[in-house]
Amino acid sequence: MWVIYGYLIDALIRWYRDYRTRNWPTAKGQVESTRVSGASVVLTYSYTVDNHRLTGIHDRSCVDRTSADDYAKRFIPKWSLVIRYNGADHANSVVVEDDQSIPPVWATRYRED
């Protein structure tokens, strides 16, 4: 039961963050790595703004390990991402799920872990 409460709180925080950053500029980025730990996914990414290479972390809570594994499969290392970054602080960035293109099924099925 506590897992569901945690997931709902995380979803509300994600919604607010996505709303708050909706007007931030975007940059092309790429997935560096994904790691699943229990029901949580940690995605490391890189992006470039004004010829400076920056990195960030996207942490996502899921309901259970299976949904975390499924979510992680969407983020294949070297896959392109759209990154939103703060115009005043380029190192402050987020991955908004609605901005992303989902890799084709064949890519997620045969990814290397």
PDB file of N, CA and C in Angstrom:
ATOM      1  N   MET A   1       0.803  -1.194   0.000  1.00  0.00           N
ATOM      2  CA  MET A   1       0.000   0.000   0.000  1.00  0.00           C
ATOM      3  C   MET A   1       0.856   1.273   0.000  1.00  0.00           C
ATOM      4  N   TRP A   2       1.967   1.270   0.788  1.00  0.00           N
ATOM      5  CA  TRP A   2       2.835   2.439   0.838  1.00  0.00           C
ATOM      6  C   TRP A   2       3.501   2.702  -0.498  1.00  0.00           C
ATOM      7  N   VAL A   3       3.740   1.634  -1.263  1.00  0.00           N
ATOM      8  CA  VAL A   3       4.354   1.798  -2.588  1.00  0.00           C
ATOM      9  C   VAL A   3       3.439   2.618  -3.488  1.00  0.00           C
ATOM     10  N   ILE A   4       2.155   2.348  -3.415  1.00  0.00           N
ATOM     11  CA  ILE A   4       1.195   3.088  -4.244  1.00  0.00           C
ATOM     12  C   ILE A   4       1.140   4.560  -3.826  1.00  0.00           C
ATOM     13  N   TYR A   5       1.150   4.820  -2.509  1.00  0.00           N
ATOM     14  CA  TYR A   5       1.178   6.217  -2.052  1.00  0.00           C
ATOM     15  C   TYR A   5       2.433   6.923  -2.540  1.00  0.00           C
ATOM     16  N   GLY A   6       3.557   6.256  -2.446  1.00  0.00           N
ATOM     17  CA  GLY A   6       4.814   6.833  -2.929  1.00  0.00           C
ATOM     18  C   GLY A   6       4.765   7.117  -4.420  1.00  0.00           C
ATOM     19  N   TYR A   7       4.193   6.180  -5.176  1.00  0.00           N
ATOM     20  CA  TYR A   7       4.075   6.360  -6.620  1.00  0.00           C
ATOM     21  C   TYR A   7       3.175   7.558  -6.933  1.00  0.00           C
ATOM     22  N   LEU A   8       2.057   7.699  -6.224  1.00  0.00           N
ATOM     23  CA  LEU A   8       1.134   8.813  -6.463  1.00  0.00           C
ATOM     24  C   LEU A   8       1.781  10.154  -6.124  1.00  0.00           C
ATOM     25  N   ILE A   9       2.527  10.200  -5.036  1.00  0.00           N
ATOM     26  CA  ILE A   9       3.227  11.432  -4.680  1.00  0.00           C
ATOM     27  C   ILE A   9       4.263  11.768  -5.747  1.00  0.00           C
ATOM     28  N   ASP A  10       5.002  10.758  -6.207  1.00  0.00           N
ATOM     29  CA  ASP A  10       5.990  10.970  -7.265  1.00  0.00           C
ATOM     30  C   ASP A  10       5.313  11.468  -8.542  1.00  0.00           C
ATOM     31  N   ALA A  11       4.151  10.926  -8.877  1.00  0.00           N
ATOM     32  CA  ALA A  11       3.414  11.349 -10.078  1.00  0.00           C
ATOM     33  C   ALA A  11       2.981  12.813  -9.963  1.00  0.00           C
ATOM     34  N   LEU A  12       2.529  13.229  -8.788  1.00  0.00           N
ATOM     35  CA  LEU A  12       2.149  14.634  -8.588  1.00  0.00           C
ATOM     36  C   LEU A  12       3.355  15.560  -8.703  1.00  0.00           C
ATOM     37  N   ILE A  13       4.470  15.162  -8.145  1.00  0.00           N
ATOM     38  CA  ILE A  13       5.691  15.965  -8.249  1.00  0.00           C
ATOM     39  C   ILE A  13       6.130  16.065  -9.710  1.00  0.00           C
ATOM     40  N   ARG A  14       6.071  14.947 -10.436  1.00  0.00           N
ATOM     41  CA  ARG A  14       6.440  14.937 -11.861  1.00  0.00           C
ATOM     42  C   ARG A  14       5.525  15.864 -12.655  1.00  0.00           C
ATOM     43  N   TRP A  15       4.211  15.802 -12.367  1.00  0.00           N
ATOM     44  CA  TRP A  15       3.260  16.658 -13.082  1.00  0.00           C
ATOM     45  C   TRP A  15       3.592  18.124 -12.837  1.00  0.00           C
ATOM     46  N   TYR A  16       3.836  18.502 -11.585  1.00  0.00           N
ATOM     47  CA  TYR A  16       4.160  19.892 -11.264  1.00  0.00           C
ATOM     48  C   TYR A  16       5.467  20.322 -11.935  1.00  0.00           C
ATOM     49  N   ARG A  17       6.482  19.458 -11.903  1.00  0.00           N
ATOM     50  CA  ARG A  17       7.760  19.768 -12.541  1.00  0.00           C
ATOM     51  C   ARG A  17       7.576  19.962 -14.045  1.00  0.00           C
ATOM     52  N   ASP A  18       6.815  19.075 -14.677  1.00  0.00           N
ATOM     53  CA  ASP A  18       6.584  19.191 -16.115  1.00  0.00           C
ATOM     54  C   ASP A  18       5.828  20.480 -16.452  1.00  0.00           C
ATOM     55  N   TYR A  19       4.862  20.831 -15.622  1.00  0.00           N
ATOM     56  CA  TYR A  19       4.100  22.067 -15.820  1.00  0.00           C
ATOM     57  C   TYR A  19       5.009  23.290 -15.671  1.00  0.00           C
ATOM     58  N   ARG A  20       5.839  23.274 -14.640  1.00  0.00           N
ATOM     59  CA  ARG A  20       6.730  24.395 -14.345  1.00  0.00           C
ATOM     60  C   ARG A  20       7.788  24.596 -15.433  1.00  0.00           C
ATOM     61  N   THR A  21       8.194  23.532 -16.090  1.00  0.00           N
ATOM     62  CA  THR A  21       9.278  23.619 -17.074  1.00  0.00           C
ATOM     63  C   THR A  21       8.778  23.616 -18.521  1.00  0.00           C
ATOM     64  N   ARG A  22       7.493  23.715 -18.731  1.00  0.00           N
ATOM     65  CA  ARG A  22       6.931  23.586 -20.083  1.00  0.00           C
ATOM     66  C   ARG A  22       7.453  24.636 -21.061  1.00  0.00           C
ATOM     67  N   ASN A  23       7.899  25.794 -20.566  1.00  0.00           N
ATOM     68  CA  ASN A  23       8.400  26.852 -21.447  1.00  0.00           C
ATOM     69  C   ASN A  23       9.921  26.936 -21.486  1.00  0.00           C
ATOM     70  N   TRP A  24      10.597  25.989 -20.841  1.00  0.00           N
ATOM     71  CA  TRP A  24      12.055  25.979 -20.888  1.00  0.00           C
ATOM     72  C   TRP A  24      12.515  25.615 -22.300  1.00  0.00           C
ATOM     73  N   PRO A  25      13.670  26.117 -22.727  1.00  0.00           N
ATOM     74  CA  PRO A  25      14.212  25.713 -24.028  1.00  0.00           C
ATOM     75  C   PRO A  25      14.556  24.220 -24.028  1.00  0.00           C
ATOM     76  N   THR A  26      14.659  23.665 -25.221  1.00  0.00           N
ATOM     77  CA  THR A  26      14.998  22.244 -25.336  1.00  0.00           C
ATOM     78  C   THR A  26      16.340  22.078 -26.036  1.00  0.00           C
ATOM     79  N   ALA A  27      16.955  20.955 -25.774  1.00  0.00           N
ATOM     80  CA  ALA A  27      18.218  20.590 -26.420  1.00  0.00           C
ATOM     81  C   ALA A  27      18.145  19.107 -26.757  1.00  0.00           C
ATOM     82  N   LYS A  28      18.910  18.731 -27.781  1.00  0.00           N
ATOM     83  CA  LYS A  28      18.999  17.319 -28.118  1.00  0.00           C
ATOM     84  C   LYS A  28      19.991  16.670 -27.155  1.00  0.00           C
ATOM     85  N   GLY A  29      19.584  15.557 -26.593  1.00  0.00           N
ATOM     86  CA  GLY A  29      20.453  14.828 -25.683  1.00  0.00           C
ATOM     87  C   GLY A  29      20.489  13.366 -26.055  1.00  0.00           C
ATOM     88  N   GLN A  30      21.160  12.594 -25.222  1.00  0.00           N
ATOM     89  CA  GLN A  30      21.188  11.148 -25.451  1.00  0.00           C
ATOM     90  C   GLN A  30      21.275  10.419 -24.124  1.00  0.00           C
ATOM     91  N   VAL A  31      20.753   9.210 -24.123  1.00  0.00           N
ATOM     92  CA  VAL A  31      20.801   8.348 -22.953  1.00  0.00           C
ATOM     93  C   VAL A  31      22.218   7.843 -22.785  1.00  0.00           C
ATOM     94  N   GLU A  32      22.752   7.963 -21.594  1.00  0.00           N
ATOM     95  CA  GLU A  32      24.064   7.406 -21.286  1.00  0.00           C
ATOM     96  C   GLU A  32      23.912   6.033 -20.630  1.00  0.00           C
ATOM     97  N   SER A  33      22.994   5.904 -19.682  1.00  0.00           N
ATOM     98  CA  SER A  33      22.773   4.616 -19.014  1.00  0.00           C
ATOM     99  C   SER A  33      21.411   4.602 -18.330  1.00  0.00           C
ATOM    100  N   THR A  34      20.913   3.402 -18.096  1.00  0.00           N
ATOM    101  CA  THR A  34      19.709   3.218 -17.288  1.00  0.00           C
ATOM    102  C   THR A  34      20.003   2.142 -16.256  1.00  0.00           C
ATOM    103  N   ARG A  35      19.421   2.328 -15.080  1.00  0.00           N
ATOM    104  CA  ARG A  35      19.600   1.351 -14.010  1.00  0.00           C
ATOM    105  C   ARG A  35      18.271   1.195 -13.292  1.00  0.00           C
ATOM    106  N   VAL A  36      17.887  -0.052 -13.073  1.00  0.00           N
ATOM    107  CA  VAL A  36      16.666  -0.358 -12.330  1.00  0.00           C
ATOM    108  C   VAL A  36      17.075  -0.837 -10.948  1.00  0.00           C
ATOM    109  N   SER A  37      16.452  -0.248  -9.940  1.00  0.00           N
ATOM    110  CA  SER A  37      16.701  -0.643  -8.555  1.00  0.00           C
ATOM    111  C   SER A  37      15.341  -0.787  -7.880  1.00  0.00           C
ATOM    112  N   GLY A  38      14.923  -2.021  -7.700  1.00  0.00           N
ATOM    113  CA  GLY A  38      13.589  -2.252  -7.141  1.00  0.00           C
ATOM    114  C   GLY A  38      12.535  -1.733  -8.096  1.00  0.00           C
ATOM    115  N   ALA A  39      11.705  -0.805  -7.620  1.00  0.00           N
ATOM    116  CA  ALA A  39      10.657  -0.221  -8.451  1.00  0.00           C
ATOM    117  C   ALA A  39      11.035   1.179  -8.924  1.00  0.00           C
ATOM    118  N   SER A  40      12.320   1.455  -9.014  1.00  0.00           N
ATOM    119  CA  SER A  40      12.801   2.772  -9.413  1.00  0.00           C
ATOM    120  C   SER A  40      13.758   2.647 -10.595  1.00  0.00           C
ATOM    121  N   VAL A  41      13.700   3.634 -11.482  1.00  0.00           N
ATOM    122  CA  VAL A  41      14.593   3.683 -12.646  1.00  0.00           C
ATOM    123  C   VAL A  41      15.419   4.959 -12.567  1.00  0.00           C
ATOM    124  N   VAL A  42      16.712   4.833 -12.763  1.00  0.00           N
ATOM    125  CA  VAL A  42      17.605   5.988 -12.799  1.00  0.00           C
ATOM    126  C   VAL A  42      18.219   6.046 -14.192  1.00  0.00           C
ATOM    127  N   LEU A  43      17.962   7.143 -14.866  1.00  0.00           N
ATOM    128  CA  LEU A  43      18.443   7.369 -16.228  1.00  0.00           C
ATOM    129  C   LEU A  43      19.482   8.478 -16.173  1.00  0.00           C
ATOM    130  N   THR A  44      20.663   8.223 -16.724  1.00  0.00           N
ATOM    131  CA  THR A  44      21.704   9.237 -16.842  1.00  0.00           C
ATOM    132  C   THR A  44      21.746   9.677 -18.298  1.00  0.00           C
ATOM    133  N   TYR A  45      21.792  10.987 -18.522  1.00  0.00           N
ATOM    134  CA  TYR A  45      21.775  11.505 -19.894  1.00  0.00           C
ATOM    135  C   TYR A  45      22.775  12.638 -20.044  1.00  0.00           C
ATOM    136  N   SER A  46      23.088  12.948 -21.296  1.00  0.00           N
ATOM    137  CA  SER A  46      23.959  14.078 -21.601  1.00  0.00           C
ATOM    138  C   SER A  46      23.275  14.935 -22.668  1.00  0.00           C
ATOM    139  N   TYR A  47      23.668  16.203 -22.707  1.00  0.00           N
ATOM    140  CA  TYR A  47      23.122  17.133 -23.697  1.00  0.00           C
ATOM    141  C   TYR A  47      24.103  18.280 -23.869  1.00  0.00           C
ATOM    142  N   THR A  48      23.937  19.040 -24.936  1.00  0.00           N
ATOM    143  CA  THR A  48      24.851  20.134 -25.224  1.00  0.00           C
ATOM    144  C   THR A  48      24.079  21.440 -25.369  1.00  0.00           C
ATOM    145  N   VAL A  49      24.546  22.468 -24.663  1.00  0.00           N
ATOM    146  CA  VAL A  49      23.980  23.820 -24.762  1.00  0.00           C
ATOM    147  C   VAL A  49      25.148  24.782 -24.932  1.00  0.00           C
ATOM    148  N   ASP A  50      25.090  25.603 -25.966  1.00  0.00           N
ATOM    149  CA  ASP A  50      26.159  26.578 -26.245  1.00  0.00           C
ATOM    150  C   ASP A  50      27.544  25.925 -26.245  1.00  0.00           C
ATOM    151  N   ASN A  51      27.659  24.800 -26.908  1.00  0.00           N
ATOM    152  CA  ASN A  51      28.904  24.047 -27.035  1.00  0.00           C
ATOM    153  C   ASN A  51      29.462  23.535 -25.706  1.00  0.00           C
ATOM    154  N   HIS A  52      28.635  23.449 -24.684  1.00  0.00           N
ATOM    155  CA  HIS A  52      29.034  22.869 -23.402  1.00  0.00           C
ATOM    156  C   HIS A  52      28.279  21.565 -23.206  1.00  0.00           C
ATOM    157  N   ARG A  53      29.021  20.505 -22.942  1.00  0.00           N
ATOM    158  CA  ARG A  53      28.406  19.201 -22.690  1.00  0.00           C
ATOM    159  C   ARG A  53      28.019  19.127 -21.223  1.00  0.00           C
ATOM    160  N   LEU A  54      26.758  18.818 -20.987  1.00  0.00           N
ATOM    161  CA  LEU A  54      26.224  18.741 -19.630  1.00  0.00           C
ATOM    162  C   LEU A  54      25.600  17.372 -19.418  1.00  0.00           C
ATOM    163  N   THR A  55      25.426  16.996 -18.166  1.00  0.00           N
ATOM    164  CA  THR A  55      24.798  15.716 -17.852  1.00  0.00           C
ATOM    165  C   THR A  55      23.686  15.932 -16.830  1.00  0.00           C
ATOM    166  N   GLY A  56      22.793  14.963 -16.781  1.00  0.00           N
ATOM    167  CA  GLY A  56      21.705  15.018 -15.822  1.00  0.00           C
ATOM    168  C   GLY A  56      21.231  13.629 -15.462  1.00  0.00           C
ATOM    169  N   ILE A  57      20.379  13.581 -14.462  1.00  0.00           N
ATOM    170  CA  ILE A  57      19.811  12.314 -14.001  1.00  0.00           C
ATOM    171  C   ILE A  57      18.300  12.456 -13.944  1.00  0.00           C
ATOM    172  N   HIS A  58      17.623  11.458 -14.470  1.00  0.00           N
ATOM    173  CA  HIS A  58      16.168  11.376 -14.423  1.00  0.00           C
ATOM    174  C   HIS A  58      15.825  10.162 -13.571  1.00  0.00           C
ATOM    175  N   ASP A  59      15.125  10.392 -12.466  1.00  0.00           N
ATOM    176  CA  ASP A  59      14.772   9.328 -11.531  1.00  0.00           C
ATOM    177  C   ASP A  59      13.261   9.151 -11.575  1.00  0.00           C
ATOM    178  N   ARG A  60      12.812   7.921 -11.795  1.00  0.00           N
ATOM    179  CA  ARG A  60      11.379   7.657 -11.925  1.00  0.00           C
ATOM    180  C   ARG A  60      10.980   6.483 -11.045  1.00  0.00           C
ATOM    181  N   SER A  61       9.990   6.717 -10.179  1.00  0.00           N
ATOM    182  CA  SER A  61       9.427   5.639  -9.365  1.00  0.00           C
ATOM    183  C   SER A  61       8.323   4.956 -10.138  1.00  0.00           C
ATOM    184  N   CYS A  62       8.241   3.653 -10.014  1.00  0.00           N
ATOM    185  CA  CYS A  62       7.201   2.865 -10.668  1.00  0.00           C
ATOM    186  C   CYS A  62       6.446   2.082  -9.595  1.00  0.00           C
ATOM    187  N   VAL A  63       5.364   1.455  -9.980  1.00  0.00           N
ATOM    188  CA  VAL A  63       4.545   0.713  -9.022  1.00  0.00           C
ATOM    189  C   VAL A  63       5.248  -0.557  -8.562  1.00  0.00           C
ATOM    190  N   ASP A  64       5.946  -1.224  -9.484  1.00  0.00           N
ATOM    191  CA  ASP A  64       6.628  -2.467  -9.130  1.00  0.00           C
ATOM    192  C   ASP A  64       7.835  -2.678 -10.043  1.00  0.00           C
ATOM    193  N   ARG A  65       8.570  -3.741  -9.794  1.00  0.00           N
ATOM    194  CA  ARG A  65       9.790  -4.022 -10.560  1.00  0.00           C
ATOM    195  C   ARG A  65       9.485  -4.251 -12.043  1.00  0.00           C
ATOM    196  N   THR A  66       8.383  -4.922 -12.350  1.00  0.00           N
ATOM    197  CA  THR A  66       8.034  -5.197 -13.744  1.00  0.00           C
ATOM    198  C   THR A  66       7.801  -3.904 -14.521  1.00  0.00           C
ATOM    199  N   SER A  67       7.045  -2.966 -13.924  1.00  0.00           N
ATOM    200  CA  SER A  67       6.801  -1.701 -14.629  1.00  0.00           C
ATOM    201  C   SER A  67       8.086  -0.872 -14.714  1.00  0.00           C
ATOM    202  N   ALA A  68       8.964  -0.997 -13.729  1.00  0.00           N
ATOM    203  CA  ALA A  68      10.258  -0.306 -13.796  1.00  0.00           C
ATOM    204  C   ALA A  68      11.102  -0.871 -14.943  1.00  0.00           C
ATOM    205  N   ASP A  69      11.121  -2.194 -15.074  1.00  0.00           N
ATOM    206  CA  ASP A  69      11.854  -2.819 -16.180  1.00  0.00           C
ATOM    207  C   ASP A  69      11.298  -2.363 -17.526  1.00  0.00           C
ATOM    208  N   ASP A  70       9.975  -2.328 -17.643  1.00  0.00           N
ATOM    209  CA  ASP A  70       9.338  -1.888 -18.895  1.00  0.00           C
ATOM    210  C   ASP A  70       9.668  -0.431 -19.201  1.00  0.00           C
ATOM    211  N   TYR A  71       9.639   0.420 -18.190  1.00  0.00           N
ATOM    212  CA  TYR A  71       9.968   1.834 -18.387  1.00  0.00           C
ATOM    213  C   TYR A  71      11.423   1.991 -18.820  1.00  0.00           C
ATOM    214  N   ALA A  72      12.319   1.263 -18.170  1.00  0.00           N
ATOM    215  CA  ALA A  72      13.748   1.362 -18.491  1.00  0.00           C
ATOM    216  C   ALA A  72      14.037   0.942 -19.925  1.00  0.00           C
ATOM    217  N   LYS A  73      13.279  -0.004 -20.452  1.00  0.00           N
ATOM    218  CA  LYS A  73      13.502  -0.472 -21.825  1.00  0.00           C
ATOM    219  C   LYS A  73      13.274   0.622 -22.852  1.00  0.00           C
ATOM    220  N   ARG A  74      12.539   1.674 -22.479  1.00  0.00           N
ATOM    221  CA  ARG A  74      12.304   2.790 -23.401  1.00  0.00           C
ATOM    222  C   ARG A  74      13.534   3.664 -23.592  1.00  0.00           C
ATOM    223  N   PHE A  75      14.526   3.511 -22.704  1.00  0.00           N
ATOM    224  CA  PHE A  75      15.694   4.384 -22.718  1.00  0.00           C
ATOM    225  C   PHE A  75      16.956   3.583 -22.983  1.00  0.00           C
ATOM    226  N   ILE A  76      17.224   3.390 -24.248  1.00  0.00           N
ATOM    227  CA  ILE A  76      18.361   2.609 -24.712  1.00  0.00           C
ATOM    228  C   ILE A  76      19.596   3.510 -24.746  1.00  0.00           C
ATOM    229  N   PRO A  77      20.728   3.048 -24.213  1.00  0.00           N
ATOM    230  CA  PRO A  77      21.938   3.863 -24.294  1.00  0.00           C
ATOM    231  C   PRO A  77      22.212   4.325 -25.730  1.00  0.00           C
ATOM    232  N   LYS A  78      22.586   5.585 -25.842  1.00  0.00           N
ATOM    233  CA  LYS A  78      22.851   6.298 -27.099  1.00  0.00           C
ATOM    234  C   LYS A  78      21.570   6.725 -27.832  1.00  0.00           C
ATOM    235  N   TRP A  79      20.390   6.400 -27.278  1.00  0.00           N
ATOM    236  CA  TRP A  79      19.128   6.812 -27.885  1.00  0.00           C
ATOM    237  C   TRP A  79      18.942   8.311 -27.672  1.00  0.00           C
ATOM    238  N   SER A  80      18.361   9.000 -28.651  1.00  0.00           N
ATOM    239  CA  SER A  80      18.139  10.444 -28.558  1.00  0.00           C
ATOM    240  C   SER A  80      17.049  10.785 -27.545  1.00  0.00           C
ATOM    241  N   LEU A  81      17.249  11.891 -26.877  1.00  0.00           N
ATOM    242  CA  LEU A  81      16.276  12.429 -25.927  1.00  0.00           C
ATOM    243  C   LEU A  81      16.079  13.911 -26.193  1.00  0.00           C
ATOM    244  N   VAL A  82      14.934  14.415 -25.810  1.00  0.00           N
ATOM    245  CA  VAL A  82      14.712  15.850 -25.765  1.00  0.00           C
ATOM    246  C   VAL A  82      14.876  16.253 -24.305  1.00  0.00           C
ATOM    247  N   ILE A  83      15.756  17.195 -24.067  1.00  0.00           N
ATOM    248  CA  ILE A  83      16.039  17.666 -22.717  1.00  0.00           C
ATOM    249  C   ILE A  83      15.517  19.087 -22.581  1.00  0.00           C
ATOM    250  N   ARG A  84      14.825  19.376 -21.518  1.00  0.00           N
ATOM    251  CA  ARG A  84      14.435  20.752 -21.199  1.00  0.00           C
ATOM    252  C   ARG A  84      15.432  21.274 -20.168  1.00  0.00           C
ATOM    253  N   TYR A  85      15.916  22.492 -20.398  1.00  0.00           N
ATOM    254  CA  TYR A  85      16.891  23.069 -19.472  1.00  0.00           C
ATOM    255  C   TYR A  85      16.501  24.496 -19.126  1.00  0.00           C
ATOM    256  N   ASN A  86      16.922  24.916 -17.960  1.00  0.00           N
ATOM    257  CA  ASN A  86      16.652  26.268 -17.476  1.00  0.00           C
ATOM    258  C   ASN A  86      17.532  27.240 -18.256  1.00  0.00           C
ATOM    259  N   GLY A  87      16.923  28.241 -18.880  1.00  0.00           N
ATOM    260  CA  GLY A  87      17.681  29.209 -19.668  1.00  0.00           C
ATOM    261  C   GLY A  87      18.681  30.001 -18.847  1.00  0.00           C
ATOM    262  N   ALA A  88      18.412  30.177 -17.555  1.00  0.00           N
ATOM    263  CA  ALA A  88      19.321  30.925 -16.690  1.00  0.00           C
ATOM    264  C   ALA A  88      20.391  30.039 -16.061  1.00  0.00           C
ATOM    265  N   ASP A  89      20.141  28.750 -16.019  1.00  0.00           N
ATOM    266  CA  ASP A  89      21.085  27.795 -15.419  1.00  0.00           C
ATOM    267  C   ASP A  89      21.049  26.523 -16.257  1.00  0.00           C
ATOM    268  N   HIS A  90      21.884  26.461 -17.273  1.00  0.00           N
ATOM    269  CA  HIS A  90      21.842  25.363 -18.247  1.00  0.00           C
ATOM    270  C   HIS A  90      22.053  23.990 -17.638  1.00  0.00           C
ATOM    271  N   ALA A  91      22.669  23.922 -16.469  1.00  0.00           N
ATOM    272  CA  ALA A  91      22.895  22.631 -15.817  1.00  0.00           C
ATOM    273  C   ALA A  91      21.633  22.106 -15.138  1.00  0.00           C
ATOM    274  N   ASN A  92      20.617  22.935 -14.996  1.00  0.00           N
ATOM    275  CA  ASN A  92      19.343  22.539 -14.397  1.00  0.00           C
ATOM    276  C   ASN A  92      18.447  22.024 -15.524  1.00  0.00           C
ATOM    277  N   SER A  93      18.258  20.706 -15.586  1.00  0.00           N
ATOM    278  CA  SER A  93      17.545  20.109 -16.714  1.00  0.00           C
ATOM    279  C   SER A  93      16.580  19.032 -16.257  1.00  0.00           C
ATOM    280  N   VAL A  94      15.637  18.716 -17.149  1.00  0.00           N
ATOM    281  CA  VAL A  94      14.657  17.663 -16.878  1.00  0.00           C
ATOM    282  C   VAL A  94      14.365  16.890 -18.153  1.00  0.00           C
ATOM    283  N   VAL A  95      13.938  15.655 -17.959  1.00  0.00           N
ATOM    284  CA  VAL A  95      13.411  14.835 -19.051  1.00  0.00           C
ATOM    285  C   VAL A  95      11.902  14.795 -18.849  1.00  0.00           C
ATOM    286  N   VAL A  96      11.160  15.330 -19.807  1.00  0.00           N
ATOM    287  CA  VAL A  96       9.703  15.305 -19.764  1.00  0.00           C
ATOM    288  C   VAL A  96       9.253  14.172 -20.679  1.00  0.00           C
ATOM    289  N   GLU A  97       8.548  13.225 -20.110  1.00  0.00           N
ATOM    290  CA  GLU A  97       8.191  12.022 -20.861  1.00  0.00           C
ATOM    291  C   GLU A  97       7.389  12.319 -22.124  1.00  0.00           C
ATOM    292  N   ASP A  98       6.514  13.331 -22.092  1.00  0.00           N
ATOM    293  CA  ASP A  98       5.708  13.651 -23.268  1.00  0.00           C
ATOM    294  C   ASP A  98       6.536  14.198 -24.432  1.00  0.00           C
ATOM    295  N   ASP A  99       7.755  14.652 -24.168  1.00  0.00           N
ATOM    296  CA  ASP A  99       8.635  15.165 -25.230  1.00  0.00           C
ATOM    297  C   ASP A  99       9.355  14.060 -25.996  1.00  0.00           C
ATOM    298  N   GLN A 100       9.372  12.858 -25.449  1.00  0.00           N
ATOM    299  CA  GLN A 100      10.218  11.793 -25.978  1.00  0.00           C
ATOM    300  C   GLN A 100       9.523  10.987 -27.062  1.00  0.00           C
ATOM    301  N   SER A 101      10.337  10.505 -28.012  1.00  0.00           N
ATOM    302  CA  SER A 101       9.847   9.531 -28.977  1.00  0.00           C
ATOM    303  C   SER A 101      10.165   8.150 -28.408  1.00  0.00           C
ATOM    304  N   ILE A 102       9.255   7.260 -28.545  1.00  0.00           N
ATOM    305  CA  ILE A 102       9.436   5.916 -28.005  1.00  0.00           C
ATOM    306  C   ILE A 102      10.177   5.082 -29.041  1.00  0.00           C
ATOM    307  N   PRO A 103      11.217   4.362 -28.622  1.00  0.00           N
ATOM    308  CA  PRO A 103      11.948   3.535 -29.588  1.00  0.00           C
ATOM    309  C   PRO A 103      11.057   2.421 -30.127  1.00  0.00           C
ATOM    310  N   PRO A 104      11.338   1.962 -31.327  1.00  0.00           N
ATOM    311  CA  PRO A 104      10.539   0.868 -31.876  1.00  0.00           C
ATOM    312  C   PRO A 104      10.680  -0.402 -31.035  1.00  0.00           C
ATOM    313  N   VAL A 105       9.687  -1.256 -31.128  1.00  0.00           N
ATOM    314  CA  VAL A 105       9.655  -2.486 -30.331  1.00  0.00           C
ATOM    315  C   VAL A 105      10.917  -3.309 -30.540  1.00  0.00           C
ATOM    316  N   TRP A 106      11.398  -3.420 -31.782  1.00  0.00           N
ATOM    317  CA  TRP A 106      12.581  -4.246 -32.028  1.00  0.00           C
ATOM    318  C   TRP A 106      13.778  -3.721 -31.251  1.00  0.00           C
ATOM    319  N   ALA A 107      13.870  -2.407 -31.072  1.00  0.00           N
ATOM    320  CA  ALA A 107      15.007  -1.834 -30.358  1.00  0.00           C
ATOM    321  C   ALA A 107      14.938  -2.141 -28.861  1.00  0.00           C
ATOM    322  N   THR A 108      13.753  -2.104 -28.299  1.00  0.00           N
ATOM    323  CA  THR A 108      13.621  -2.365 -26.867  1.00  0.00           C
ATOM    324  C   THR A 108      13.760  -3.841 -26.568  1.00  0.00           C
ATOM    325  N   ARG A 109      13.384  -4.674 -27.508  1.00  0.00           N
ATOM    326  CA  ARG A 109      13.443  -6.110 -27.299  1.00  0.00           C
ATOM    327  C   ARG A 109      14.878  -6.632 -27.295  1.00  0.00           C
ATOM    328  N   TYR A 110      15.723  -6.003 -28.080  1.00  0.00           N
ATOM    329  CA  TYR A 110      17.079  -6.533 -28.270  1.00  0.00           C
ATOM    330  C   TYR A 110      18.155  -5.636 -27.678  1.00  0.00           C
ATOM    331  N   ARG A 111      17.793  -4.796 -26.754  1.00  0.00           N
ATOM    332  CA  ARG A 111      18.789  -3.920 -26.150  1.00  0.00           C
ATOM    333  C   ARG A 111      19.764  -4.707 -25.277  1.00  0.00           C
ATOM    334  N   GLU A 112      20.959  -4.170 -25.181  1.00  0.00           N
ATOM    335  CA  GLU A 112      21.974  -4.795 -24.324  1.00  0.00           C
ATOM    336  C   GLU A 112      21.844  -4.194 -22.938  1.00  0.00           C
ATOM    337  N   ASP A 113      21.855  -5.040 -21.917  1.00  0.00           N
ATOM    338  CA  ASP A 113      21.768  -4.529 -20.540  1.00  0.00           C
ATOM    339  C   ASP A 113      23.100  -4.444 -19.891  1.00  0.00           C
TER     340      ASP A 113
END
